[in-house]
Protein backbone atom coordinates (compact mmCIF):
# COMPACT_ATOMS: atom_id res chain seq x y z
CA MET A 1 70.63 89.59 103.19
CA ARG A 2 68.55 89.09 106.27
CA THR A 3 65.72 91.31 107.43
CA ILE A 4 65.26 92.40 111.06
CA ASN A 5 62.18 94.14 112.41
CA ILE A 6 62.60 97.49 114.17
CA HIS A 7 61.94 96.14 117.67
CA ALA A 8 64.56 93.38 117.30
CA ALA A 9 67.03 95.87 115.81
CA LYS A 10 66.64 98.18 118.81
CA THR A 11 66.95 95.27 121.25
CA HIS A 12 70.07 93.78 119.65
CA LEU A 13 71.69 96.89 118.18
CA SER A 14 75.18 96.31 119.65
CA ARG A 15 75.37 92.74 118.33
CA LEU A 16 73.98 93.76 114.94
CA ILE A 17 76.54 96.58 114.59
CA GLU A 18 79.36 94.09 115.29
CA GLU A 19 77.97 91.77 112.62
CA VAL A 20 77.76 94.62 110.11
CA ALA A 21 81.36 95.58 110.86
CA ALA A 22 82.31 91.96 110.16
CA GLY A 23 80.71 92.24 106.69
CA GLU A 24 77.15 91.03 107.30
CA PRO A 25 74.75 93.85 106.30
CA PHE A 26 71.05 93.63 107.08
CA VAL A 27 67.74 95.33 106.33
CA ILE A 28 65.51 96.94 108.96
CA ALA A 29 61.81 96.41 108.28
CA LYS A 30 58.63 97.92 109.68
CA ALA A 31 55.60 95.64 109.51
CA GLY A 32 57.50 93.46 107.06
CA LYS A 33 58.23 96.35 104.69
CA PRO A 34 61.97 97.09 104.16
CA MET A 35 62.78 100.58 105.44
CA ALA A 36 66.58 100.83 105.70
CA GLN A 37 69.69 98.92 104.81
CA VAL A 38 72.59 98.84 107.26
CA ILE A 39 76.00 98.36 105.63
CA PRO A 40 79.55 98.94 106.85
CA ILE A 41 81.07 102.38 106.30
CA GLY A 42 83.00 102.41 103.05
CA ALA A 43 80.80 99.79 101.41
CA SER A 44 78.51 101.93 99.31
CA LYS A 45 76.13 100.92 96.59
CA SER A 46 77.04 103.90 94.43
CA LYS A 47 78.00 103.34 90.84
CA PRO A 48 81.69 103.07 90.06
CA LYS A 49 83.34 106.13 88.59
CA LYS A 50 83.42 106.26 84.82
CA ARG A 51 86.79 105.66 83.28
CA ILE A 52 87.21 108.12 80.44
CA GLY A 53 88.98 106.70 77.42
CA PHE A 54 89.09 103.07 78.54
CA MET A 55 87.79 101.90 75.14
CA LYS A 56 90.15 104.05 73.09
CA GLY A 57 91.25 102.28 69.94
CA MET A 58 88.64 99.54 70.16
CA TYR A 59 86.37 101.10 67.55
CA THR A 60 87.01 103.01 64.36
CA LEU A 61 84.81 105.12 62.11
CA PRO A 62 84.56 104.28 58.42
CA ASP A 63 86.38 106.59 56.01
CA ASN A 64 83.07 107.76 54.53
CA PHE A 65 81.48 108.57 57.90
CA GLU A 66 80.73 112.20 57.03
CA GLU A 67 78.93 111.14 53.84
CA ILE A 68 76.87 108.57 55.76
CA ASP A 69 76.10 111.19 58.42
CA ARG A 70 74.83 113.66 55.79
CA GLN A 71 72.61 110.97 54.24
CA LEU A 72 71.14 110.11 57.63
CA ASP A 73 70.54 113.79 58.42
CA LYS A 74 68.62 114.14 55.15
CA GLU A 75 66.53 111.03 55.87
CA ILE A 76 65.71 112.22 59.40
CA GLU A 77 64.75 115.67 58.13
CA GLU A 78 62.48 114.08 55.52
CA LEU A 79 60.82 111.97 58.21
CA PHE A 80 60.10 115.04 60.34
CA LEU A 81 58.98 117.34 57.53
CA GLY A 82 57.13 114.67 55.58
CA ARG A 83 58.54 115.82 52.23
CA ASP A 84 61.75 116.08 50.29
CA ALA A 85 64.11 118.17 52.42
CA GLU A 86 66.20 119.60 49.57
């Protein structure tokens, strides 16, 4: 992506807007430091929406999950308390 200084952006704004509309975004810089990015409307950099449940069925829990969970809880409690947690 090309960088344009503020003075050049003001001078050539109409042409730059046409280029952005054609899919060529650019960065406006002040003293060589990027200050703003110009992109076409509708082309955002936001994260895509999360798709709930798209991995359903890809993973399963072991049959003894609750037993494993209780053992881990006990170990974690022992680590925090520094003694036998019973």
